[in-house]
Amino acid sequence: MASRVTLVSPAMSPSLRQTRFYAGEPIDDLGAARARSAAPVLPSPARTVTSPSVRCEQTAAALGLDAVASPELAGSDMGRWRGRTLDEVMAAEPESVARWLADPGWAGHGGESVQEVCERAGSWLDATREADGRILAVVEPDLVRAAVVHALGLPAAVFWRLDVVPLTATELSGRAGRWNLRLGRPLDGPGSSATNSR
């Protein structure tokens, strides 16, 4: 039996626009409108889940999904950096940012390491093999990266080389312990603005 998992990144929010470490902000009006217009292009899932964050839950609602929040799909715990922009953190702690970007096992900000997020996402992804049918998950951008790293057996250091654009779908299908990847396709049509996210 093949497992099919579609990972949808959240719609645009102020923290994504500002490259700010997420601290619970909602999606913006334009992001909500684009999510509503994208609803018809989504596959029909057997089960729908979401990261337990405001922006993922609001994106799921705007997409017309009745999703259940799953604690294991929470975004990275960024510790003391939560709510700050990347530029602010780089100005205050340049060595720490350099270490965070270079060492997947580093968690000196007081939260989770990239390696821990990849392991957590991988455990969830592996557990989906027991589920029947298609799963659609509206998840934080870092969870999309982490799931792809795990699915393809990539080293965790590749995490930062994967860009996740708001409101895109990344599809994974697996059978017999092997995953195939269909890279993120936009859900909101040709007029969307492609912005990388942290």
N, C-alpha and C. Protein backbone atom coordinates (compact mmCIF):
# COMPACT_ATOMS: atom_id res chain seq x y z
N MET A 1 0.84 -1.19 0.00
CA MET A 1 0.00 0.00 0.00
C MET A 1 0.88 1.25 0.00
N ALA A 2 0.59 2.19 -0.87
CA ALA A 2 1.36 3.43 -0.96
C ALA A 2 0.80 4.47 -0.01
N SER A 3 1.70 5.20 0.64
CA SER A 3 1.31 6.33 1.48
C SER A 3 1.44 7.60 0.65
N ARG A 4 0.48 8.50 0.79
CA ARG A 4 0.53 9.78 0.08
C ARG A 4 0.34 10.90 1.08
N VAL A 5 1.33 11.76 1.17
CA VAL A 5 1.29 12.87 2.12
C VAL A 5 1.52 14.16 1.35
N THR A 6 0.58 15.09 1.47
CA THR A 6 0.74 16.41 0.86
C THR A 6 0.99 17.41 1.98
N LEU A 7 2.13 18.09 1.93
CA LEU A 7 2.51 19.09 2.92
C LEU A 7 2.26 20.46 2.33
N VAL A 8 1.39 21.23 2.96
CA VAL A 8 1.06 22.58 2.48
C VAL A 8 1.66 23.59 3.45
N SER A 9 2.44 24.51 2.92
CA SER A 9 3.02 25.56 3.76
C SER A 9 1.99 26.65 4.01
N PRO A 10 2.10 27.36 5.14
CA PRO A 10 1.09 28.37 5.49
C PRO A 10 1.09 29.56 4.54
N ALA A 11 -0.05 30.23 4.50
CA ALA A 11 -0.17 31.47 3.71
C ALA A 11 0.70 32.55 4.32
N MET A 12 0.88 33.62 3.58
CA MET A 12 1.75 34.72 4.01
C MET A 12 1.27 35.33 5.32
N SER A 13 2.26 35.66 6.16
CA SER A 13 1.99 36.31 7.44
C SER A 13 3.06 37.38 7.65
N PRO A 14 2.85 38.29 8.59
CA PRO A 14 3.85 39.33 8.83
C PRO A 14 5.24 38.77 9.16
N SER A 15 5.30 37.68 9.92
CA SER A 15 6.61 37.13 10.28
C SER A 15 7.34 36.60 9.05
N LEU A 16 6.61 36.02 8.09
CA LEU A 16 7.26 35.56 6.86
C LEU A 16 7.76 36.74 6.04
N ARG A 17 6.96 37.80 5.96
CA ARG A 17 7.38 38.98 5.19
C ARG A 17 8.62 39.62 5.79
N GLN A 18 8.75 39.59 7.10
CA GLN A 18 9.83 40.28 7.80
C GLN A 18 11.01 39.37 8.13
N THR A 19 10.97 38.12 7.71
CA THR A 19 11.97 37.11 8.09
C THR A 19 12.15 37.14 9.61
N ARG A 20 11.03 37.00 10.28
CA ARG A 20 10.98 37.04 11.74
C ARG A 20 10.70 35.63 12.26
N PHE A 21 11.42 35.22 13.30
CA PHE A 21 11.17 33.91 13.90
C PHE A 21 9.76 33.92 14.47
N TYR A 22 8.97 32.96 14.06
CA TYR A 22 7.53 32.95 14.33
C TYR A 22 7.22 33.00 15.82
N ALA A 23 6.25 33.86 16.15
CA ALA A 23 5.84 34.02 17.54
C ALA A 23 4.32 34.07 17.67
N GLY A 24 3.62 33.42 16.74
CA GLY A 24 2.17 33.30 16.89
C GLY A 24 1.32 34.26 16.10
N GLU A 25 1.90 35.01 15.16
CA GLU A 25 1.11 35.99 14.40
C GLU A 25 0.17 35.28 13.43
N PRO A 26 -0.99 35.91 13.14
CA PRO A 26 -1.93 35.34 12.17
C PRO A 26 -1.46 35.57 10.74
N ILE A 27 -2.10 34.90 9.79
CA ILE A 27 -1.84 35.18 8.38
C ILE A 27 -2.43 36.55 8.06
N ASP A 28 -1.93 37.18 7.00
CA ASP A 28 -2.47 38.50 6.65
C ASP A 28 -3.67 38.35 5.70
N ASP A 29 -4.34 39.46 5.42
CA ASP A 29 -5.57 39.42 4.61
C ASP A 29 -5.31 38.87 3.21
N LEU A 30 -4.19 39.28 2.60
CA LEU A 30 -3.86 38.80 1.26
C LEU A 30 -3.59 37.29 1.29
N GLY A 31 -2.88 36.83 2.32
CA GLY A 31 -2.61 35.40 2.45
C GLY A 31 -3.90 34.61 2.61
N ALA A 32 -4.82 35.12 3.41
CA ALA A 32 -6.11 34.43 3.62
C ALA A 32 -6.90 34.38 2.31
N ALA A 33 -6.90 35.47 1.56
CA ALA A 33 -7.63 35.50 0.29
C ALA A 33 -7.04 34.50 -0.71
N ARG A 34 -5.72 34.44 -0.77
CA ARG A 34 -5.08 33.49 -1.69
C ARG A 34 -5.36 32.05 -1.27
N ALA A 35 -5.38 31.80 0.04
CA ALA A 35 -5.70 30.44 0.51
C ALA A 35 -7.13 30.07 0.13
N ARG A 36 -8.06 31.00 0.30
CA ARG A 36 -9.46 30.71 -0.06
C ARG A 36 -9.58 30.40 -1.56
N SER A 37 -8.84 31.12 -2.39
CA SER A 37 -8.92 30.89 -3.83
C SER A 37 -8.22 29.59 -4.24
N ALA A 38 -7.32 29.10 -3.40
CA ALA A 38 -6.59 27.86 -3.71
C ALA A 38 -7.33 26.60 -3.31
N ALA A 39 -8.36 26.73 -2.50
CA ALA A 39 -9.07 25.55 -1.98
C ALA A 39 -9.47 24.55 -3.06
N PRO A 40 -9.97 24.98 -4.22
CA PRO A 40 -10.42 24.01 -5.22
C PRO A 40 -9.31 23.14 -5.82
N VAL A 41 -8.04 23.54 -5.72
CA VAL A 41 -6.97 22.75 -6.35
C VAL A 41 -6.37 21.69 -5.43
N LEU A 42 -6.82 21.64 -4.19
CA LEU A 42 -6.28 20.65 -3.26
C LEU A 42 -6.82 19.26 -3.54
N PRO A 43 -5.97 18.23 -3.30
CA PRO A 43 -6.47 16.86 -3.43
C PRO A 43 -7.45 16.56 -2.31
N SER A 44 -8.26 15.54 -2.50
CA SER A 44 -9.23 15.13 -1.47
C SER A 44 -8.53 14.20 -0.49
N PRO A 45 -8.28 14.65 0.75
CA PRO A 45 -7.56 13.80 1.70
C PRO A 45 -8.50 12.90 2.50
N ALA A 46 -7.94 11.80 2.98
CA ALA A 46 -8.69 10.95 3.92
C ALA A 46 -8.57 11.53 5.32
N ARG A 47 -7.45 12.20 5.57
CA ARG A 47 -7.23 12.78 6.89
C ARG A 47 -6.48 14.10 6.71
N THR A 48 -6.83 15.11 7.51
CA THR A 48 -6.19 16.42 7.43
C THR A 48 -5.70 16.82 8.81
N VAL A 49 -4.43 17.22 8.86
CA VAL A 49 -3.83 17.66 10.13
C VAL A 49 -3.13 19.00 9.89
N THR A 50 -2.77 19.64 10.98
CA THR A 50 -2.09 20.93 10.87
C THR A 50 -1.11 21.10 12.02
N SER A 51 -0.10 21.91 11.78
CA SER A 51 0.77 22.34 12.89
C SER A 51 -0.10 23.13 13.87
N PRO A 52 0.21 23.06 15.17
CA PRO A 52 -0.59 23.79 16.15
C PRO A 52 -0.17 25.25 16.27
N SER A 53 -0.16 25.95 15.14
CA SER A 53 0.19 27.37 15.15
C SER A 53 -0.96 28.14 14.55
N VAL A 54 -1.07 29.40 14.93
CA VAL A 54 -2.16 30.24 14.43
C VAL A 54 -2.14 30.30 12.91
N ARG A 55 -0.97 30.53 12.32
CA ARG A 55 -0.93 30.71 10.87
C ARG A 55 -1.27 29.43 10.11
N CYS A 56 -0.88 28.27 10.63
CA CYS A 56 -1.23 27.01 9.96
C CYS A 56 -2.71 26.69 10.14
N GLU A 57 -3.23 26.90 11.34
CA GLU A 57 -4.66 26.64 11.57
C GLU A 57 -5.53 27.59 10.74
N GLN A 58 -5.12 28.87 10.64
CA GLN A 58 -5.89 29.82 9.82
C GLN A 58 -5.78 29.49 8.34
N THR A 59 -4.62 29.04 7.89
CA THR A 59 -4.47 28.64 6.49
C THR A 59 -5.38 27.45 6.18
N ALA A 60 -5.37 26.47 7.07
CA ALA A 60 -6.24 25.29 6.88
C ALA A 60 -7.70 25.71 6.80
N ALA A 61 -8.12 26.60 7.69
CA ALA A 61 -9.52 27.07 7.68
C ALA A 61 -9.84 27.81 6.39
N ALA A 62 -8.92 28.67 5.93
CA ALA A 62 -9.14 29.42 4.70
C ALA A 62 -9.20 28.49 3.49
N LEU A 63 -8.49 27.36 3.56
CA LEU A 63 -8.53 26.36 2.49
C LEU A 63 -9.78 25.49 2.56
N GLY A 64 -10.60 25.73 3.59
CA GLY A 64 -11.82 24.96 3.75
C GLY A 64 -11.61 23.58 4.33
N LEU A 65 -10.51 23.39 5.05
CA LEU A 65 -10.17 22.08 5.61
C LEU A 65 -10.61 21.98 7.06
N ASP A 66 -11.09 20.83 7.44
CA ASP A 66 -11.42 20.55 8.83
C ASP A 66 -10.24 19.77 9.40
N ALA A 67 -9.21 20.50 9.80
CA ALA A 67 -7.94 19.88 10.20
C ALA A 67 -7.82 19.78 11.71
N VAL A 68 -7.15 18.72 12.15
CA VAL A 68 -6.87 18.51 13.57
C VAL A 68 -5.43 18.92 13.84
N ALA A 69 -5.21 19.78 14.84
CA ALA A 69 -3.85 20.20 15.19
C ALA A 69 -3.10 19.04 15.83
N SER A 70 -1.86 18.85 15.39
CA SER A 70 -1.04 17.75 15.87
C SER A 70 0.22 18.31 16.53
N PRO A 71 0.40 18.11 17.86
CA PRO A 71 1.56 18.68 18.55
C PRO A 71 2.90 18.27 17.95
N GLU A 72 3.00 17.06 17.38
CA GLU A 72 4.30 16.62 16.83
C GLU A 72 4.66 17.38 15.56
N LEU A 73 3.69 18.13 15.00
CA LEU A 73 3.95 18.93 13.81
C LEU A 73 4.22 20.40 14.14
N ALA A 74 4.48 20.69 15.38
CA ALA A 74 4.80 22.06 15.78
C ALA A 74 6.06 22.54 15.06
N GLY A 75 6.11 23.83 14.79
CA GLY A 75 7.31 24.41 14.20
C GLY A 75 8.47 24.34 15.18
N SER A 76 9.65 24.64 14.68
CA SER A 76 10.85 24.60 15.52
C SER A 76 10.71 25.51 16.72
N ASP A 77 11.14 25.04 17.86
CA ASP A 77 11.22 25.88 19.06
C ASP A 77 12.48 26.72 18.92
N MET A 78 12.31 28.02 18.72
CA MET A 78 13.45 28.90 18.50
C MET A 78 13.96 29.57 19.76
N GLY A 79 13.49 29.12 20.91
CA GLY A 79 14.03 29.61 22.17
C GLY A 79 13.98 31.12 22.29
N ARG A 80 15.10 31.72 22.68
CA ARG A 80 15.14 33.17 22.92
C ARG A 80 15.06 33.99 21.65
N TRP A 81 15.16 33.36 20.48
CA TRP A 81 15.08 34.09 19.22
C TRP A 81 13.63 34.30 18.76
N ARG A 82 12.70 33.64 19.38
CA ARG A 82 11.30 33.73 18.97
C ARG A 82 10.85 35.19 18.96
N GLY A 83 10.20 35.59 17.86
CA GLY A 83 9.67 36.94 17.74
C GLY A 83 10.65 37.97 17.22
N ARG A 84 11.93 37.61 17.11
CA ARG A 84 12.95 38.56 16.62
C ARG A 84 13.20 38.32 15.13
N THR A 85 13.62 39.37 14.40
CA THR A 85 13.96 39.18 12.99
C THR A 85 15.35 38.54 12.91
N LEU A 86 15.61 37.92 11.77
CA LEU A 86 16.93 37.32 11.56
C LEU A 86 18.01 38.40 11.61
N ASP A 87 17.73 39.57 11.05
CA ASP A 87 18.71 40.67 11.09
C ASP A 87 19.03 41.09 12.53
N GLU A 88 18.00 41.16 13.37
CA GLU A 88 18.21 41.52 14.78
C GLU A 88 19.10 40.49 15.48
N VAL A 89 18.82 39.23 15.24
CA VAL A 89 19.61 38.18 15.89
C VAL A 89 21.03 38.18 15.35
N MET A 90 21.19 38.40 14.04
CA MET A 90 22.54 38.43 13.46
C MET A 90 23.36 39.59 14.02
N ALA A 91 22.71 40.73 14.25
CA ALA A 91 23.43 41.88 14.81
C ALA A 91 23.86 41.61 16.25
N ALA A 92 23.01 40.93 17.01
CA ALA A 92 23.29 40.69 18.43
C ALA A 92 24.15 39.45 18.66
N GLU A 93 23.98 38.41 17.84
CA GLU A 93 24.67 37.13 18.06
C GLU A 93 25.19 36.54 16.75
N PRO A 94 26.10 37.23 16.07
CA PRO A 94 26.55 36.72 14.76
C PRO A 94 27.18 35.33 14.81
N GLU A 95 27.95 35.06 15.86
CA GLU A 95 28.59 33.74 15.96
C GLU A 95 27.56 32.64 16.17
N SER A 96 26.52 32.94 16.95
CA SER A 96 25.47 31.96 17.20
C SER A 96 24.69 31.65 15.92
N VAL A 97 24.37 32.68 15.14
CA VAL A 97 23.65 32.45 13.89
C VAL A 97 24.50 31.62 12.94
N ALA A 98 25.78 31.94 12.85
CA ALA A 98 26.68 31.17 11.98
C ALA A 98 26.73 29.70 12.42
N ARG A 99 26.78 29.47 13.70
CA ARG A 99 26.81 28.08 14.22
C ARG A 99 25.50 27.37 13.93
N TRP A 100 24.39 28.06 14.12
CA TRP A 100 23.06 27.49 13.87
C TRP A 100 22.92 27.08 12.40
N LEU A 101 23.41 27.90 11.49
CA LEU A 101 23.31 27.60 10.06
C LEU A 101 24.28 26.51 9.62
N ALA A 102 25.37 26.33 10.35
CA ALA A 102 26.40 25.37 9.94
C ALA A 102 26.31 24.03 10.66
N ASP A 103 25.76 24.01 11.86
CA ASP A 103 25.78 22.79 12.68
C ASP A 103 24.35 22.35 13.00
N PRO A 104 23.84 21.31 12.33
CA PRO A 104 22.45 20.88 12.56
C PRO A 104 22.16 20.43 13.99
N GLY A 105 23.20 20.11 14.75
CA GLY A 105 22.99 19.66 16.13
C GLY A 105 23.00 20.79 17.15
N TRP A 106 23.25 22.03 16.72
CA TRP A 106 23.38 23.16 17.64
C TRP A 106 22.01 23.68 18.06
N ALA A 107 21.85 23.92 19.36
CA ALA A 107 20.60 24.48 19.89
C ALA A 107 20.91 25.50 20.97
N GLY A 108 21.94 26.30 20.74
CA GLY A 108 22.37 27.28 21.73
C GLY A 108 21.41 28.42 21.95
N HIS A 109 20.37 28.53 21.13
CA HIS A 109 19.36 29.58 21.33
C HIS A 109 18.35 29.17 22.40
N GLY A 110 18.49 27.96 22.92
CA GLY A 110 17.60 27.49 23.98
C GLY A 110 16.37 26.75 23.49
N GLY A 111 16.31 26.47 22.19
CA GLY A 111 15.18 25.73 21.62
C GLY A 111 15.64 24.39 21.06
N GLU A 112 15.11 24.06 19.88
CA GLU A 112 15.43 22.79 19.23
C GLU A 112 16.52 22.98 18.18
N SER A 113 17.31 21.94 17.98
CA SER A 113 18.27 21.94 16.89
C SER A 113 17.57 21.53 15.60
N VAL A 114 18.19 21.83 14.48
CA VAL A 114 17.67 21.39 13.19
C VAL A 114 17.59 19.86 13.18
N GLN A 115 18.59 19.20 13.72
CA GLN A 115 18.59 17.73 13.76
C GLN A 115 17.37 17.20 14.52
N GLU A 116 17.05 17.82 15.64
CA GLU A 116 15.89 17.38 16.42
C GLU A 116 14.59 17.56 15.65
N VAL A 117 14.47 18.67 14.92
CA VAL A 117 13.27 18.91 14.12
C VAL A 117 13.17 17.87 13.01
N CYS A 118 14.29 17.56 12.36
CA CYS A 118 14.29 16.55 11.30
C CYS A 118 13.89 15.18 11.85
N GLU A 119 14.38 14.84 13.03
CA GLU A 119 14.02 13.55 13.63
C GLU A 119 12.54 13.51 14.00
N ARG A 120 12.03 14.60 14.53
CA ARG A 120 10.61 14.65 14.91
C ARG A 120 9.71 14.54 13.68
N ALA A 121 10.05 15.30 12.63
CA ALA A 121 9.26 15.23 11.39
C ALA A 121 9.36 13.85 10.77
N GLY A 122 10.55 13.25 10.83
CA GLY A 122 10.75 11.91 10.27
C GLY A 122 9.94 10.86 11.00
N SER A 123 9.86 10.96 12.31
CA SER A 123 9.05 10.00 13.08
C SER A 123 7.58 10.11 12.70
N TRP A 124 7.10 11.35 12.54
CA TRP A 124 5.71 11.54 12.13
C TRP A 124 5.48 10.98 10.73
N LEU A 125 6.40 11.28 9.81
CA LEU A 125 6.24 10.83 8.43
C LEU A 125 6.24 9.30 8.36
N ASP A 126 7.13 8.66 9.09
CA ASP A 126 7.17 7.20 9.09
C ASP A 126 5.88 6.61 9.64
N ALA A 127 5.30 7.26 10.63
CA ALA A 127 4.04 6.77 11.23
C ALA A 127 2.88 6.88 10.26
N THR A 128 2.97 7.77 9.26
CA THR A 128 1.86 7.92 8.30
C THR A 128 1.72 6.68 7.43
N ARG A 129 2.72 5.85 7.38
CA ARG A 129 2.64 4.63 6.55
C ARG A 129 1.55 3.69 7.05
N GLU A 130 1.17 3.85 8.31
CA GLU A 130 0.12 2.99 8.87
C GLU A 130 -1.27 3.50 8.50
N ALA A 131 -1.35 4.71 7.96
CA ALA A 131 -2.65 5.31 7.66
C ALA A 131 -3.13 4.90 6.27
N ASP A 132 -4.43 4.78 6.13
CA ASP A 132 -5.02 4.47 4.84
C ASP A 132 -5.30 5.77 4.09
N GLY A 133 -5.00 5.80 2.82
CA GLY A 133 -5.37 6.94 1.99
C GLY A 133 -4.42 8.11 2.09
N ARG A 134 -4.87 9.23 1.58
CA ARG A 134 -4.06 10.43 1.46
C ARG A 134 -4.17 11.29 2.72
N ILE A 135 -3.01 11.81 3.16
CA ILE A 135 -2.97 12.73 4.30
C ILE A 135 -2.57 14.10 3.77
N LEU A 136 -3.29 15.11 4.18
CA LEU A 136 -2.93 16.48 3.85
C LEU A 136 -2.58 17.18 5.15
N ALA A 137 -1.40 17.79 5.20
CA ALA A 137 -0.92 18.44 6.42
C ALA A 137 -0.52 19.87 6.11
N VAL A 138 -1.15 20.83 6.79
CA VAL A 138 -0.75 22.24 6.68
C VAL A 138 0.27 22.45 7.79
N VAL A 139 1.53 22.62 7.39
CA VAL A 139 2.61 22.63 8.38
C VAL A 139 3.58 23.79 8.16
N GLU A 140 4.31 24.10 9.21
CA GLU A 140 5.29 25.17 9.17
C GLU A 140 6.37 24.87 8.11
N PRO A 141 6.96 25.92 7.51
CA PRO A 141 7.98 25.71 6.48
C PRO A 141 9.13 24.82 6.93
N ASP A 142 9.55 24.95 8.19
CA ASP A 142 10.66 24.12 8.66
C ASP A 142 10.28 22.64 8.74
N LEU A 143 8.98 22.36 8.96
CA LEU A 143 8.52 20.97 8.97
C LEU A 143 8.54 20.39 7.57
N VAL A 144 8.23 21.21 6.55
CA VAL A 144 8.32 20.75 5.16
C VAL A 144 9.77 20.39 4.86
N ARG A 145 10.69 21.28 5.19
CA ARG A 145 12.12 21.01 4.96
C ARG A 145 12.55 19.72 5.65
N ALA A 146 12.18 19.61 6.92
CA ALA A 146 12.60 18.46 7.72
C ALA A 146 12.04 17.16 7.16
N ALA A 147 10.79 17.17 6.72
CA ALA A 147 10.18 15.96 6.15
C ALA A 147 10.88 15.55 4.86
N VAL A 148 11.24 16.52 4.03
CA VAL A 148 11.95 16.22 2.78
C VAL A 148 13.34 15.65 3.09
N VAL A 149 14.03 16.25 4.04
CA VAL A 149 15.35 15.74 4.45
C VAL A 149 15.23 14.27 4.85
N HIS A 150 14.24 13.97 5.67
CA HIS A 150 14.06 12.59 6.14
C HIS A 150 13.65 11.65 5.00
N ALA A 151 12.67 12.07 4.21
CA ALA A 151 12.13 11.21 3.16
C ALA A 151 13.20 10.79 2.15
N LEU A 152 14.09 11.71 1.83
CA LEU A 152 15.12 11.42 0.83
C LEU A 152 16.43 10.93 1.45
N GLY A 153 16.46 10.80 2.78
CA GLY A 153 17.68 10.32 3.45
C GLY A 153 18.84 11.28 3.30
N LEU A 154 18.54 12.57 3.27
CA LEU A 154 19.57 13.60 3.10
C LEU A 154 20.22 13.93 4.44
N PRO A 155 21.45 14.40 4.43
CA PRO A 155 22.04 14.88 5.69
C PRO A 155 21.30 16.12 6.17
N ALA A 156 21.21 16.28 7.49
CA ALA A 156 20.47 17.42 8.05
C ALA A 156 21.06 18.75 7.61
N ALA A 157 22.34 18.77 7.23
CA ALA A 157 22.97 20.02 6.79
C ALA A 157 22.31 20.59 5.53
N VAL A 158 21.56 19.77 4.78
CA VAL A 158 20.89 20.22 3.56
C VAL A 158 19.65 21.05 3.89
N PHE A 159 19.17 20.97 5.12
CA PHE A 159 17.94 21.64 5.56
C PHE A 159 17.86 23.08 5.07
N TRP A 160 18.93 23.87 5.22
CA TRP A 160 18.90 25.29 4.86
C TRP A 160 18.98 25.54 3.37
N ARG A 161 19.21 24.49 2.58
CA ARG A 161 19.29 24.66 1.13
C ARG A 161 17.94 24.41 0.46
N LEU A 162 16.92 24.13 1.27
CA LEU A 162 15.58 23.88 0.75
C LEU A 162 14.71 25.10 1.04
N ASP A 163 14.28 25.79 0.00
CA ASP A 163 13.41 26.96 0.17
C ASP A 163 11.95 26.51 0.13
N VAL A 164 11.17 27.01 1.05
CA VAL A 164 9.74 26.68 1.10
C VAL A 164 8.96 27.99 0.95
N VAL A 165 8.26 28.09 -0.14
CA VAL A 165 7.49 29.29 -0.46
C VAL A 165 6.11 29.19 0.18
N PRO A 166 5.55 30.29 0.67
CA PRO A 166 4.20 30.23 1.26
C PRO A 166 3.16 29.69 0.29
N LEU A 167 2.24 28.93 0.85
CA LEU A 167 1.09 28.38 0.15
C LEU A 167 1.50 27.54 -1.07
N THR A 168 2.40 26.59 -0.83
CA THR A 168 2.79 25.61 -1.84
C THR A 168 2.57 24.22 -1.28
N ALA A 169 2.42 23.26 -2.19
CA ALA A 169 2.24 21.86 -1.79
C ALA A 169 3.47 21.06 -2.17
N THR A 170 3.96 20.28 -1.23
CA THR A 170 5.05 19.34 -1.46
C THR A 170 4.47 17.96 -1.23
N GLU A 171 4.57 17.10 -2.23
CA GLU A 171 3.90 15.80 -2.15
C GLU A 171 4.92 14.67 -2.03
N LEU A 172 4.67 13.80 -1.06
CA LEU A 172 5.50 12.63 -0.83
C LEU A 172 4.64 11.38 -1.01
N SER A 173 5.16 10.42 -1.74
CA SER A 173 4.47 9.14 -1.85
C SER A 173 5.48 8.06 -1.54
N GLY A 174 5.06 7.08 -0.74
CA GLY A 174 6.00 6.07 -0.30
C GLY A 174 5.44 4.67 -0.32
N ARG A 175 6.35 3.74 -0.54
CA ARG A 175 6.01 2.32 -0.52
C ARG A 175 7.28 1.55 -0.17
N ALA A 176 7.14 0.57 0.68
CA ALA A 176 8.25 -0.33 1.04
C ALA A 176 9.47 0.43 1.55
N GLY A 177 9.23 1.41 2.41
CA GLY A 177 10.34 2.13 3.03
C GLY A 177 11.03 3.16 2.16
N ARG A 178 10.44 3.50 1.03
CA ARG A 178 11.06 4.47 0.13
C ARG A 178 10.05 5.55 -0.22
N TRP A 179 10.51 6.81 -0.19
CA TRP A 179 9.63 7.95 -0.50
C TRP A 179 10.04 8.57 -1.83
N ASN A 180 9.06 9.02 -2.59
CA ASN A 180 9.30 9.82 -3.78
C ASN A 180 8.77 11.22 -3.51
N LEU A 181 9.38 12.20 -4.14
CA LEU A 181 9.07 13.61 -3.86
C LEU A 181 8.58 14.31 -5.12
N ARG A 182 7.49 15.04 -4.96
CA ARG A 182 7.06 15.99 -5.99
C ARG A 182 7.22 17.37 -5.36
N LEU A 183 8.11 18.15 -5.91
CA LEU A 183 8.49 19.43 -5.31
C LEU A 183 7.33 20.41 -5.24
N GLY A 184 7.45 21.36 -4.31
CA GLY A 184 6.39 22.32 -3.99
C GLY A 184 5.80 23.03 -5.20
N ARG A 185 4.51 22.83 -5.41
CA ARG A 185 3.80 23.53 -6.47
C ARG A 185 2.93 24.62 -5.85
N PRO A 186 2.84 25.77 -6.49
CA PRO A 186 2.01 26.84 -5.93
C PRO A 186 0.55 26.44 -5.95
N LEU A 187 -0.15 26.81 -4.90
CA LEU A 187 -1.58 26.53 -4.82
C LEU A 187 -2.42 27.70 -5.29
N ASP A 188 -1.81 28.90 -5.33
CA ASP A 188 -2.64 30.07 -5.59
C ASP A 188 -2.44 30.69 -6.96
N GLY A 189 -1.95 29.93 -7.91
CA GLY A 189 -1.95 30.39 -9.29
C GLY A 189 -0.77 31.24 -9.68
N PRO A 190 -0.72 31.67 -10.96
CA PRO A 190 0.43 32.37 -11.50
C PRO A 190 0.67 33.75 -10.94
N GLY A 191 -0.31 34.36 -10.28
CA GLY A 191 -0.13 35.71 -9.77
C GLY A 191 0.45 35.74 -8.36
N SER A 192 0.89 34.60 -7.85
CA SER A 192 1.38 34.56 -6.47
C SER A 192 2.74 35.22 -6.37
N SER A 193 3.07 35.69 -5.17
CA SER A 193 4.40 36.26 -4.95
C SER A 193 5.23 35.22 -4.24
N ALA A 194 6.34 34.83 -4.84
CA ALA A 194 7.20 33.79 -4.26
C ALA A 194 8.18 34.44 -3.30
N THR A 195 8.04 34.13 -2.04
CA THR A 195 8.91 34.68 -1.01
C THR A 195 9.46 33.56 -0.18
N ASN A 196 10.76 33.48 -0.03
CA ASN A 196 11.34 32.44 0.80
C ASN A 196 10.98 32.68 2.25
N SER A 197 10.98 31.60 3.04
CA SER A 197 10.59 31.73 4.45
C SER A 197 11.59 31.06 5.35
N ARG A 198 11.64 31.52 6.60
CA ARG A 198 12.48 30.91 7.61
C ARG A 198 11.62 30.15 8.55
